Amino acid sequence: MAATRPVPREIEGRFIRLAPLEEQHLPALFRAIGTPEVFAAGYGGGPAGYRSTEAGFIEFAHGYYAWLTGNVYGVWRDDELIGTSTLGDFDEKNEHTHIGWTAYAPSTWGTAVNPEAKLLLLGEAFDHGFNRVKLQADALNDRSRAAIQKLGAQFEGVLRRTNPRADGTWRDTAVYSILVDEWPGVRAGLEERLARFA
């Protein structure tokens, strides 16, 4: 099966749903993730990338998210927007894609939100013929790195000096991946984790 970029659509889970993020959602996204706590460990370029106002956050969002090259999703719980994640960097020829640009309201950390969002996005990628899904984090972001490893992703290494942080220092990027042959085991592990929240 040849890899093809999925058409952005609403994807329903048990605890959350993913829906294409739109301009009109950005004020609600600011209320969910526009906190220093979210940016502290490296999101959005790190603490210096934090914007304390709705207008500043919306300007940041216009430049940060992969609007043209990725499928940018809002993560909803009931009728509340609680975060965002993106399926992007589509390389159909080599069957690679990337889940990233992910942040959730701190009140949702440690809940079913992240494992189910990853379950839905990984399913979308593998169902559309991608055979390798990359996940990555700032090498200094221990919380995100632990969450990626807990998914069952395999650590590939650290790419040095990949891009500047918002404060001008250079980021090293820890890279992980999940291959299509590993997907059944990863899916079973995520479903088992989600069953504990049911």
N, C-alpha and C. Protein backbone atom coordinates (compact mmCIF):
# COMPACT_ATOMS: atom_id res chain seq x y z
N MET A 1 0.85 -1.20 0.00
CA MET A 1 0.00 0.00 0.00
C MET A 1 0.88 1.24 0.00
N ALA A 2 0.71 2.12 -0.97
CA ALA A 2 1.47 3.36 -1.02
C ALA A 2 1.00 4.31 0.07
N ALA A 3 1.94 5.03 0.66
CA ALA A 3 1.59 6.00 1.70
C ALA A 3 0.92 7.22 1.07
N THR A 4 -0.12 7.70 1.70
CA THR A 4 -0.81 8.90 1.24
C THR A 4 -1.15 9.76 2.45
N ARG A 5 -0.99 11.06 2.29
CA ARG A 5 -1.33 11.99 3.37
C ARG A 5 -2.83 11.89 3.66
N PRO A 6 -3.19 11.67 4.93
CA PRO A 6 -4.62 11.58 5.24
C PRO A 6 -5.32 12.92 5.02
N VAL A 7 -6.56 12.85 4.60
CA VAL A 7 -7.39 14.05 4.53
C VAL A 7 -7.75 14.42 5.98
N PRO A 8 -7.49 15.65 6.41
CA PRO A 8 -7.83 16.02 7.79
C PRO A 8 -9.32 15.78 8.07
N ARG A 9 -9.59 15.16 9.21
CA ARG A 9 -10.96 14.82 9.55
C ARG A 9 -11.08 14.69 11.06
N GLU A 10 -12.29 14.61 11.53
CA GLU A 10 -12.52 14.37 12.95
C GLU A 10 -12.29 12.89 13.24
N ILE A 11 -11.57 12.60 14.33
CA ILE A 11 -11.28 11.23 14.72
C ILE A 11 -11.74 11.05 16.17
N GLU A 12 -12.67 10.14 16.37
CA GLU A 12 -13.28 9.93 17.69
C GLU A 12 -12.56 8.84 18.47
N GLY A 13 -12.30 9.09 19.74
CA GLY A 13 -11.80 8.09 20.66
C GLY A 13 -12.80 7.89 21.79
N ARG A 14 -12.40 7.14 22.78
CA ARG A 14 -13.28 6.94 23.95
C ARG A 14 -13.29 8.15 24.86
N PHE A 15 -12.15 8.79 25.02
CA PHE A 15 -12.00 9.87 25.99
C PHE A 15 -11.87 11.24 25.34
N ILE A 16 -11.37 11.27 24.13
CA ILE A 16 -11.14 12.53 23.43
C ILE A 16 -11.55 12.38 21.98
N ARG A 17 -11.55 13.50 21.29
CA ARG A 17 -11.67 13.48 19.83
C ARG A 17 -10.67 14.47 19.28
N LEU A 18 -10.18 14.17 18.09
CA LEU A 18 -9.31 15.06 17.37
C LEU A 18 -10.12 15.69 16.25
N ALA A 19 -9.94 16.99 16.06
CA ALA A 19 -10.62 17.69 14.97
C ALA A 19 -9.64 18.72 14.41
N PRO A 20 -9.67 18.94 13.09
CA PRO A 20 -8.75 19.92 12.52
C PRO A 20 -8.82 21.25 13.26
N LEU A 21 -7.64 21.75 13.64
CA LEU A 21 -7.56 23.02 14.36
C LEU A 21 -7.77 24.16 13.36
N GLU A 22 -8.58 25.12 13.75
CA GLU A 22 -8.88 26.25 12.88
C GLU A 22 -8.56 27.55 13.62
N GLU A 23 -8.45 28.61 12.85
CA GLU A 23 -8.14 29.94 13.38
C GLU A 23 -9.06 30.30 14.55
N GLN A 24 -10.33 30.01 14.42
CA GLN A 24 -11.30 30.38 15.45
C GLN A 24 -11.07 29.65 16.77
N HIS A 25 -10.29 28.57 16.76
CA HIS A 25 -10.01 27.80 17.98
C HIS A 25 -8.84 28.34 18.77
N LEU A 26 -8.04 29.25 18.19
CA LEU A 26 -6.80 29.67 18.84
C LEU A 26 -7.00 30.36 20.19
N PRO A 27 -8.03 31.19 20.40
CA PRO A 27 -8.23 31.73 21.75
C PRO A 27 -8.47 30.64 22.79
N ALA A 28 -9.25 29.61 22.44
CA ALA A 28 -9.48 28.51 23.38
C ALA A 28 -8.20 27.71 23.61
N LEU A 29 -7.39 27.56 22.56
CA LEU A 29 -6.12 26.85 22.73
C LEU A 29 -5.20 27.63 23.66
N PHE A 30 -5.19 28.95 23.54
CA PHE A 30 -4.40 29.77 24.46
C PHE A 30 -4.84 29.53 25.90
N ARG A 31 -6.14 29.47 26.14
CA ARG A 31 -6.63 29.22 27.50
C ARG A 31 -6.19 27.85 28.02
N ALA A 32 -6.04 26.89 27.10
CA ALA A 32 -5.65 25.54 27.50
C ALA A 32 -4.15 25.40 27.75
N ILE A 33 -3.34 25.90 26.82
CA ILE A 33 -1.90 25.62 26.90
C ILE A 33 -1.04 26.88 27.03
N GLY A 34 -1.65 28.05 27.08
CA GLY A 34 -0.89 29.29 27.16
C GLY A 34 -0.41 29.59 28.56
N THR A 35 0.38 28.66 29.11
CA THR A 35 0.90 28.83 30.47
C THR A 35 2.41 28.61 30.46
N PRO A 36 3.13 29.27 31.37
CA PRO A 36 4.58 29.05 31.45
C PRO A 36 4.92 27.58 31.68
N GLU A 37 4.06 26.85 32.40
CA GLU A 37 4.32 25.45 32.71
C GLU A 37 4.46 24.61 31.44
N VAL A 38 3.64 24.89 30.43
CA VAL A 38 3.68 24.13 29.18
C VAL A 38 4.99 24.39 28.43
N PHE A 39 5.43 25.64 28.44
CA PHE A 39 6.63 26.02 27.68
C PHE A 39 7.92 25.75 28.45
N ALA A 40 7.83 25.48 29.75
CA ALA A 40 9.02 25.40 30.61
C ALA A 40 10.04 24.37 30.14
N ALA A 41 9.58 23.23 29.64
CA ALA A 41 10.51 22.14 29.32
C ALA A 41 10.93 22.10 27.85
N GLY A 42 10.48 23.03 27.04
CA GLY A 42 10.95 23.06 25.67
C GLY A 42 9.89 23.27 24.61
N TYR A 43 8.61 23.19 24.95
CA TYR A 43 7.56 23.38 23.94
C TYR A 43 7.66 24.79 23.36
N GLY A 44 7.44 24.91 22.06
CA GLY A 44 7.41 26.21 21.43
C GLY A 44 8.71 26.98 21.48
N GLY A 45 9.82 26.25 21.64
CA GLY A 45 11.12 26.91 21.73
C GLY A 45 11.58 27.15 23.15
N GLY A 46 10.80 26.66 24.12
CA GLY A 46 11.20 26.79 25.51
C GLY A 46 10.61 28.02 26.18
N PRO A 47 11.02 28.28 27.41
CA PRO A 47 10.41 29.36 28.21
C PRO A 47 10.37 30.71 27.50
N ALA A 48 11.39 31.03 26.72
CA ALA A 48 11.41 32.32 26.03
C ALA A 48 10.38 32.38 24.90
N GLY A 49 9.83 31.24 24.50
CA GLY A 49 8.80 31.21 23.47
C GLY A 49 7.41 31.48 24.01
N TYR A 50 7.27 31.49 25.33
CA TYR A 50 5.96 31.69 25.97
C TYR A 50 5.43 33.09 25.66
N ARG A 51 4.14 33.16 25.34
CA ARG A 51 3.45 34.42 25.12
C ARG A 51 2.34 34.54 26.16
N SER A 52 2.34 35.62 26.91
CA SER A 52 1.43 35.75 28.05
C SER A 52 0.06 36.32 27.68
N THR A 53 -0.11 36.76 26.44
CA THR A 53 -1.39 37.32 26.02
C THR A 53 -1.99 36.48 24.90
N GLU A 54 -3.30 36.57 24.77
CA GLU A 54 -3.96 35.83 23.69
C GLU A 54 -3.45 36.28 22.33
N ALA A 55 -3.30 37.58 22.13
CA ALA A 55 -2.83 38.08 20.84
C ALA A 55 -1.42 37.59 20.55
N GLY A 56 -0.56 37.60 21.56
CA GLY A 56 0.80 37.11 21.38
C GLY A 56 0.83 35.63 21.06
N PHE A 57 -0.03 34.87 21.74
CA PHE A 57 -0.09 33.43 21.49
C PHE A 57 -0.58 33.15 20.07
N ILE A 58 -1.57 33.87 19.61
CA ILE A 58 -2.10 33.66 18.26
C ILE A 58 -1.02 33.97 17.22
N GLU A 59 -0.25 35.02 17.44
CA GLU A 59 0.86 35.32 16.53
C GLU A 59 1.87 34.18 16.53
N PHE A 60 2.20 33.67 17.73
CA PHE A 60 3.10 32.52 17.85
C PHE A 60 2.54 31.31 17.08
N ALA A 61 1.25 31.03 17.26
CA ALA A 61 0.63 29.86 16.64
C ALA A 61 0.67 29.94 15.12
N HIS A 62 0.53 31.13 14.57
CA HIS A 62 0.57 31.29 13.11
C HIS A 62 1.91 30.85 12.55
N GLY A 63 2.99 31.08 13.29
CA GLY A 63 4.30 30.74 12.80
C GLY A 63 4.82 29.38 13.24
N TYR A 64 4.23 28.82 14.31
CA TYR A 64 4.78 27.60 14.90
C TYR A 64 4.18 26.32 14.32
N TYR A 65 2.88 26.28 14.12
CA TYR A 65 2.23 25.05 13.68
C TYR A 65 2.39 24.85 12.18
N ALA A 66 2.41 23.58 11.78
CA ALA A 66 2.65 23.20 10.38
C ALA A 66 1.34 23.26 9.59
N TRP A 67 0.80 24.45 9.47
CA TRP A 67 -0.53 24.62 8.87
C TRP A 67 -0.60 24.10 7.44
N LEU A 68 0.43 24.32 6.65
CA LEU A 68 0.39 23.96 5.23
C LEU A 68 0.92 22.56 4.96
N THR A 69 1.85 22.10 5.78
CA THR A 69 2.53 20.83 5.50
C THR A 69 2.09 19.70 6.41
N GLY A 70 1.24 19.99 7.37
CA GLY A 70 0.80 18.96 8.31
C GLY A 70 -0.70 19.01 8.54
N ASN A 71 -1.20 17.98 9.20
CA ASN A 71 -2.59 17.94 9.65
C ASN A 71 -2.60 18.35 11.12
N VAL A 72 -2.96 19.60 11.37
CA VAL A 72 -2.93 20.17 12.72
C VAL A 72 -4.28 19.92 13.37
N TYR A 73 -4.25 19.23 14.52
CA TYR A 73 -5.49 18.86 15.21
C TYR A 73 -5.63 19.59 16.53
N GLY A 74 -6.86 19.93 16.86
CA GLY A 74 -7.21 20.28 18.23
C GLY A 74 -7.60 19.00 18.94
N VAL A 75 -7.25 18.92 20.21
CA VAL A 75 -7.61 17.77 21.04
C VAL A 75 -8.74 18.23 21.96
N TRP A 76 -9.88 17.57 21.84
CA TRP A 76 -11.09 17.98 22.56
C TRP A 76 -11.50 16.90 23.55
N ARG A 77 -11.91 17.32 24.73
CA ARG A 77 -12.54 16.43 25.70
C ARG A 77 -13.92 17.00 25.96
N ASP A 78 -14.93 16.23 25.60
CA ASP A 78 -16.30 16.75 25.57
C ASP A 78 -16.30 17.98 24.67
N ASP A 79 -16.71 19.14 25.16
CA ASP A 79 -16.75 20.33 24.32
C ASP A 79 -15.62 21.30 24.63
N GLU A 80 -14.59 20.82 25.32
CA GLU A 80 -13.49 21.69 25.73
C GLU A 80 -12.22 21.36 24.94
N LEU A 81 -11.63 22.38 24.36
CA LEU A 81 -10.35 22.22 23.67
C LEU A 81 -9.26 22.18 24.74
N ILE A 82 -8.51 21.07 24.78
CA ILE A 82 -7.53 20.87 25.86
C ILE A 82 -6.10 20.76 25.35
N GLY A 83 -5.90 20.84 24.02
CA GLY A 83 -4.54 20.75 23.52
C GLY A 83 -4.51 20.63 22.01
N THR A 84 -3.33 20.27 21.52
CA THR A 84 -3.12 20.16 20.09
C THR A 84 -2.02 19.15 19.79
N SER A 85 -2.08 18.55 18.63
CA SER A 85 -1.02 17.68 18.12
C SER A 85 -1.13 17.67 16.60
N THR A 86 -0.03 17.33 15.94
CA THR A 86 0.02 17.40 14.48
C THR A 86 0.63 16.13 13.92
N LEU A 87 0.04 15.67 12.84
CA LEU A 87 0.64 14.63 12.00
C LEU A 87 1.21 15.37 10.80
N GLY A 88 2.54 15.34 10.64
CA GLY A 88 3.16 16.15 9.61
C GLY A 88 4.42 15.55 9.04
N ASP A 89 5.20 16.38 8.36
CA ASP A 89 6.43 15.96 7.70
C ASP A 89 6.19 14.72 6.83
N PHE A 90 5.14 14.76 6.03
CA PHE A 90 4.77 13.60 5.22
C PHE A 90 5.80 13.34 4.14
N ASP A 91 6.33 12.14 4.12
CA ASP A 91 7.24 11.69 3.06
C ASP A 91 6.62 10.41 2.50
N GLU A 92 5.72 10.59 1.52
CA GLU A 92 4.98 9.45 0.99
C GLU A 92 5.91 8.44 0.31
N LYS A 93 6.92 8.93 -0.40
CA LYS A 93 7.82 8.03 -1.12
C LYS A 93 8.53 7.07 -0.17
N ASN A 94 9.03 7.60 0.94
CA ASN A 94 9.77 6.78 1.90
C ASN A 94 8.90 6.28 3.05
N GLU A 95 7.60 6.59 2.98
CA GLU A 95 6.61 6.09 3.94
C GLU A 95 6.92 6.53 5.37
N HIS A 96 7.36 7.78 5.53
CA HIS A 96 7.67 8.34 6.85
C HIS A 96 6.72 9.49 7.16
N THR A 97 6.38 9.63 8.43
CA THR A 97 5.66 10.81 8.90
C THR A 97 6.08 11.07 10.35
N HIS A 98 5.54 12.10 10.94
CA HIS A 98 6.02 12.59 12.23
C HIS A 98 4.82 13.08 13.05
N ILE A 99 4.74 12.67 14.29
CA ILE A 99 3.76 13.22 15.23
C ILE A 99 4.51 14.20 16.12
N GLY A 100 4.03 15.44 16.15
CA GLY A 100 4.72 16.43 16.97
C GLY A 100 3.87 17.67 17.21
N TRP A 101 4.56 18.75 17.65
CA TRP A 101 3.90 20.02 17.97
C TRP A 101 2.78 19.79 19.00
N THR A 102 3.04 18.92 19.95
CA THR A 102 2.02 18.44 20.88
C THR A 102 2.09 19.14 22.22
N ALA A 103 0.96 19.63 22.70
CA ALA A 103 0.87 20.19 24.04
C ALA A 103 -0.56 20.04 24.54
N TYR A 104 -0.66 19.82 25.84
CA TYR A 104 -1.97 19.69 26.49
C TYR A 104 -2.04 20.58 27.71
N ALA A 105 -3.26 20.91 28.12
CA ALA A 105 -3.46 21.64 29.37
C ALA A 105 -2.82 20.85 30.51
N PRO A 106 -2.08 21.49 31.39
CA PRO A 106 -1.42 20.77 32.49
C PRO A 106 -2.38 19.91 33.32
N SER A 107 -3.64 20.32 33.41
CA SER A 107 -4.61 19.54 34.20
C SER A 107 -4.87 18.17 33.60
N THR A 108 -4.47 17.96 32.35
CA THR A 108 -4.71 16.66 31.68
C THR A 108 -3.48 15.76 31.71
N TRP A 109 -2.35 16.27 32.17
CA TRP A 109 -1.13 15.46 32.19
C TRP A 109 -1.34 14.24 33.08
N GLY A 110 -0.88 13.09 32.61
CA GLY A 110 -1.02 11.86 33.38
C GLY A 110 -2.38 11.20 33.27
N THR A 111 -3.23 11.71 32.38
CA THR A 111 -4.56 11.13 32.18
C THR A 111 -4.56 10.32 30.88
N ALA A 112 -5.76 9.97 30.42
CA ALA A 112 -5.90 9.20 29.18
C ALA A 112 -5.64 10.04 27.92
N VAL A 113 -5.50 11.34 28.07
CA VAL A 113 -5.45 12.23 26.90
C VAL A 113 -4.28 11.90 25.97
N ASN A 114 -3.05 11.91 26.46
CA ASN A 114 -1.92 11.68 25.57
C ASN A 114 -1.91 10.27 24.98
N PRO A 115 -2.09 9.21 25.79
CA PRO A 115 -2.07 7.89 25.15
C PRO A 115 -3.16 7.72 24.09
N GLU A 116 -4.34 8.30 24.32
CA GLU A 116 -5.37 8.12 23.29
C GLU A 116 -5.09 8.99 22.07
N ALA A 117 -4.59 10.20 22.26
CA ALA A 117 -4.24 11.02 21.09
C ALA A 117 -3.19 10.31 20.24
N LYS A 118 -2.19 9.71 20.88
CA LYS A 118 -1.17 9.00 20.12
C LYS A 118 -1.75 7.75 19.46
N LEU A 119 -2.64 7.04 20.14
CA LEU A 119 -3.29 5.87 19.54
C LEU A 119 -4.03 6.27 18.26
N LEU A 120 -4.77 7.37 18.32
CA LEU A 120 -5.55 7.80 17.16
C LEU A 120 -4.65 8.27 16.02
N LEU A 121 -3.60 9.04 16.35
CA LEU A 121 -2.72 9.56 15.31
C LEU A 121 -1.85 8.46 14.70
N LEU A 122 -1.36 7.56 15.52
CA LEU A 122 -0.59 6.43 14.98
C LEU A 122 -1.47 5.57 14.07
N GLY A 123 -2.69 5.32 14.49
CA GLY A 123 -3.61 4.56 13.65
C GLY A 123 -3.85 5.24 12.32
N GLU A 124 -4.02 6.56 12.35
CA GLU A 124 -4.24 7.31 11.12
C GLU A 124 -3.02 7.18 10.20
N ALA A 125 -1.81 7.26 10.77
CA ALA A 125 -0.60 7.16 9.96
C ALA A 125 -0.45 5.77 9.35
N PHE A 126 -0.54 4.74 10.17
CA PHE A 126 -0.32 3.39 9.66
C PHE A 126 -1.45 2.96 8.72
N ASP A 127 -2.67 3.41 8.98
CA ASP A 127 -3.79 3.08 8.09
C ASP A 127 -3.63 3.72 6.71
N HIS A 128 -2.82 4.76 6.61
CA HIS A 128 -2.61 5.43 5.33
C HIS A 128 -1.28 5.06 4.69
N GLY A 129 -0.71 3.92 5.11
CA GLY A 129 0.43 3.36 4.42
C GLY A 129 1.80 3.82 4.89
N PHE A 130 1.85 4.66 5.94
CA PHE A 130 3.16 5.06 6.47
C PHE A 130 3.72 3.91 7.30
N ASN A 131 5.01 3.67 7.16
CA ASN A 131 5.64 2.54 7.84
C ASN A 131 6.63 2.94 8.92
N ARG A 132 6.86 4.25 9.06
CA ARG A 132 7.70 4.76 10.14
C ARG A 132 7.11 6.08 10.62
N VAL A 133 6.87 6.17 11.93
CA VAL A 133 6.38 7.40 12.53
C VAL A 133 7.44 7.89 13.51
N LYS A 134 7.90 9.11 13.27
CA LYS A 134 8.90 9.73 14.13
C LYS A 134 8.22 10.53 15.23
N LEU A 135 8.81 10.49 16.43
CA LEU A 135 8.43 11.37 17.53
C LEU A 135 9.73 11.94 18.07
N GLN A 136 9.71 13.17 18.52
CA GLN A 136 10.95 13.76 18.99
C GLN A 136 10.66 14.81 20.05
N ALA A 137 11.71 15.18 20.78
CA ALA A 137 11.60 16.19 21.83
C ALA A 137 12.95 16.84 22.03
N ASP A 138 12.92 18.03 22.57
CA ASP A 138 14.16 18.67 23.01
C ASP A 138 14.87 17.68 23.94
N ALA A 139 16.16 17.49 23.72
CA ALA A 139 16.91 16.52 24.54
C ALA A 139 16.85 16.85 26.03
N LEU A 140 16.55 18.12 26.38
CA LEU A 140 16.45 18.52 27.78
C LEU A 140 15.07 18.30 28.38
N ASN A 141 14.10 17.92 27.53
CA ASN A 141 12.71 17.79 27.97
C ASN A 141 12.46 16.38 28.49
N ASP A 142 12.82 16.15 29.74
CA ASP A 142 12.71 14.81 30.33
C ASP A 142 11.27 14.32 30.38
N ARG A 143 10.31 15.20 30.65
CA ARG A 143 8.91 14.78 30.76
C ARG A 143 8.40 14.27 29.42
N SER A 144 8.66 15.01 28.34
CA SER A 144 8.20 14.57 27.02
C SER A 144 8.93 13.31 26.57
N ARG A 145 10.22 13.23 26.85
CA ARG A 145 10.96 12.04 26.46
C ARG A 145 10.44 10.80 27.18
N ALA A 146 10.12 10.94 28.45
CA ALA A 146 9.57 9.80 29.20
C ALA A 146 8.21 9.39 28.63
N ALA A 147 7.39 10.37 28.26
CA ALA A 147 6.07 10.06 27.69
C ALA A 147 6.21 9.34 26.36
N ILE A 148 7.18 9.74 25.53
CA ILE A 148 7.39 9.08 24.24
C ILE A 148 7.86 7.64 24.45
N GLN A 149 8.78 7.45 25.37
CA GLN A 149 9.27 6.10 25.64
C GLN A 149 8.16 5.21 26.19
N LYS A 150 7.28 5.79 27.01
CA LYS A 150 6.18 5.02 27.59
C LYS A 150 5.22 4.51 26.51
N LEU A 151 5.18 5.20 25.37
CA LEU A 151 4.34 4.75 24.26
C LEU A 151 4.84 3.44 23.67
N GLY A 152 6.14 3.18 23.83
CA GLY A 152 6.75 2.02 23.20
C GLY A 152 7.61 2.39 22.01
N ALA A 153 7.84 3.70 21.81
CA ALA A 153 8.70 4.15 20.72
C ALA A 153 10.15 3.79 21.01
N GLN A 154 10.90 3.52 19.96
CA GLN A 154 12.31 3.15 20.09
C GLN A 154 13.19 4.39 19.95
N PHE A 155 14.13 4.53 20.88
CA PHE A 155 15.07 5.65 20.85
C PHE A 155 16.08 5.45 19.74
N GLU A 156 16.25 6.45 18.89
CA GLU A 156 17.18 6.37 17.77
C GLU A 156 18.47 7.14 18.01
N GLY A 157 18.42 8.14 18.88
CA GLY A 157 19.61 8.91 19.15
C GLY A 157 19.30 10.39 19.29
N VAL A 158 20.35 11.17 19.49
CA VAL A 158 20.22 12.61 19.66
C VAL A 158 20.88 13.31 18.49
N LEU A 159 20.12 14.13 17.79
CA LEU A 159 20.66 14.98 16.73
C LEU A 159 21.13 16.27 17.39
N ARG A 160 22.39 16.61 17.16
CA ARG A 160 22.96 17.76 17.83
C ARG A 160 22.73 19.06 17.07
N ARG A 161 22.47 20.11 17.82
CA ARG A 161 22.36 21.48 17.30
C ARG A 161 21.41 21.56 16.10
N THR A 162 20.18 21.11 16.32
CA THR A 162 19.24 21.02 15.20
C THR A 162 18.56 22.33 14.87
N ASN A 163 18.19 23.10 15.88
CA ASN A 163 17.50 24.37 15.62
C ASN A 163 17.58 25.25 16.87
N PRO A 164 17.47 26.56 16.68
CA PRO A 164 17.58 27.45 17.84
C PRO A 164 16.31 27.43 18.69
N ARG A 165 16.51 27.51 20.00
CA ARG A 165 15.40 27.72 20.91
C ARG A 165 15.03 29.20 20.86
N ALA A 166 13.93 29.54 21.51
CA ALA A 166 13.47 30.92 21.50
C ALA A 166 14.45 31.87 22.17
N ASP A 167 15.28 31.36 23.08
CA ASP A 167 16.25 32.22 23.76
C ASP A 167 17.57 32.34 23.02
N GLY A 168 17.67 31.70 21.84
CA GLY A 168 18.88 31.79 21.03
C GLY A 168 19.87 30.67 21.25
N THR A 169 19.70 29.86 22.32
CA THR A 169 20.56 28.70 22.48
C THR A 169 20.15 27.63 21.47
N TRP A 170 21.04 26.67 21.25
CA TRP A 170 20.76 25.64 20.25
C TRP A 170 20.21 24.38 20.90
N ARG A 171 19.18 23.87 20.29
CA ARG A 171 18.52 22.65 20.76
C ARG A 171 19.18 21.42 20.18
N ASP A 172 19.37 20.40 21.03
CA ASP A 172 19.66 19.04 20.59
C ASP A 172 18.32 18.29 20.63
N THR A 173 18.07 17.44 19.64
CA THR A 173 16.77 16.78 19.51
C THR A 173 16.90 15.28 19.70
N ALA A 174 16.16 14.75 20.68
CA ALA A 174 16.09 13.31 20.91
C ALA A 174 15.03 12.73 19.97
N VAL A 175 15.42 11.74 19.17
CA VAL A 175 14.55 11.19 18.13
C VAL A 175 14.16 9.75 18.48
N TYR A 176 12.88 9.46 18.29
CA TYR A 176 12.30 8.13 18.54
C TYR A 176 11.48 7.76 17.31
N SER A 177 11.16 6.48 17.18
CA SER A 177 10.27 6.08 16.09
C SER A 177 9.50 4.82 16.46
N ILE A 178 8.42 4.63 15.73
CA ILE A 178 7.63 3.41 15.78
C ILE A 178 7.47 2.93 14.34
N LEU A 179 7.82 1.68 14.09
CA LEU A 179 7.70 1.09 12.76
C LEU A 179 6.40 0.30 12.65
N VAL A 180 5.96 0.09 11.44
CA VAL A 180 4.69 -0.60 11.23
C VAL A 180 4.71 -2.00 11.84
N ASP A 181 5.85 -2.69 11.82
CA ASP A 181 5.93 -4.02 12.41
C ASP A 181 5.78 -3.98 13.93
N GLU A 182 6.09 -2.84 14.53
CA GLU A 182 5.98 -2.68 15.99
C GLU A 182 4.60 -2.19 16.41
N TRP A 183 3.83 -1.72 15.44
CA TRP A 183 2.54 -1.09 15.73
C TRP A 183 1.57 -2.01 16.48
N PRO A 184 1.42 -3.29 16.13
CA PRO A 184 0.47 -4.11 16.90
C PRO A 184 0.79 -4.15 18.39
N GLY A 185 2.06 -4.29 18.74
CA GLY A 185 2.44 -4.31 20.15
C GLY A 185 2.25 -2.97 20.82
N VAL A 186 2.60 -1.90 20.12
CA VAL A 186 2.41 -0.55 20.66
C VAL A 186 0.92 -0.27 20.85
N ARG A 187 0.11 -0.64 19.86
CA ARG A 187 -1.34 -0.43 19.96
C ARG A 187 -1.91 -1.19 21.15
N ALA A 188 -1.50 -2.44 21.33
CA ALA A 188 -2.00 -3.23 22.45
C ALA A 188 -1.61 -2.59 23.78
N GLY A 189 -0.39 -2.07 23.87
CA GLY A 189 0.04 -1.41 25.09
C GLY A 189 -0.76 -0.16 25.38
N LEU A 190 -1.04 0.63 24.36
CA LEU A 190 -1.84 1.84 24.55
C LEU A 190 -3.27 1.50 24.94
N GLU A 191 -3.83 0.49 24.29
CA GLU A 191 -5.20 0.08 24.63
C GLU A 191 -5.28 -0.43 26.07
N GLU A 192 -4.24 -1.13 26.51
CA GLU A 192 -4.21 -1.61 27.89
C GLU A 192 -4.14 -0.43 28.86
N ARG A 193 -3.32 0.56 28.54
CA ARG A 193 -3.25 1.75 29.40
C ARG A 193 -4.59 2.47 29.45
N LEU A 194 -5.26 2.59 28.31
CA LEU A 194 -6.53 3.30 28.28
C LEU A 194 -7.61 2.54 29.03
N ALA A 195 -7.53 1.21 29.04
CA ALA A 195 -8.54 0.43 29.76
C ALA A 195 -8.51 0.74 31.26
N ARG A 196 -7.36 1.15 31.77
CA ARG A 196 -7.27 1.49 33.20
C ARG A 196 -8.02 2.76 33.53
N PHE A 197 -8.25 3.60 32.52
CA PHE A 197 -8.98 4.85 32.75
C PHE A 197 -10.49 4.69 32.55
N ALA A 198 -10.91 3.57 32.01
CA ALA A 198 -12.33 3.38 31.69
C ALA A 198 -13.16 3.27 32.96
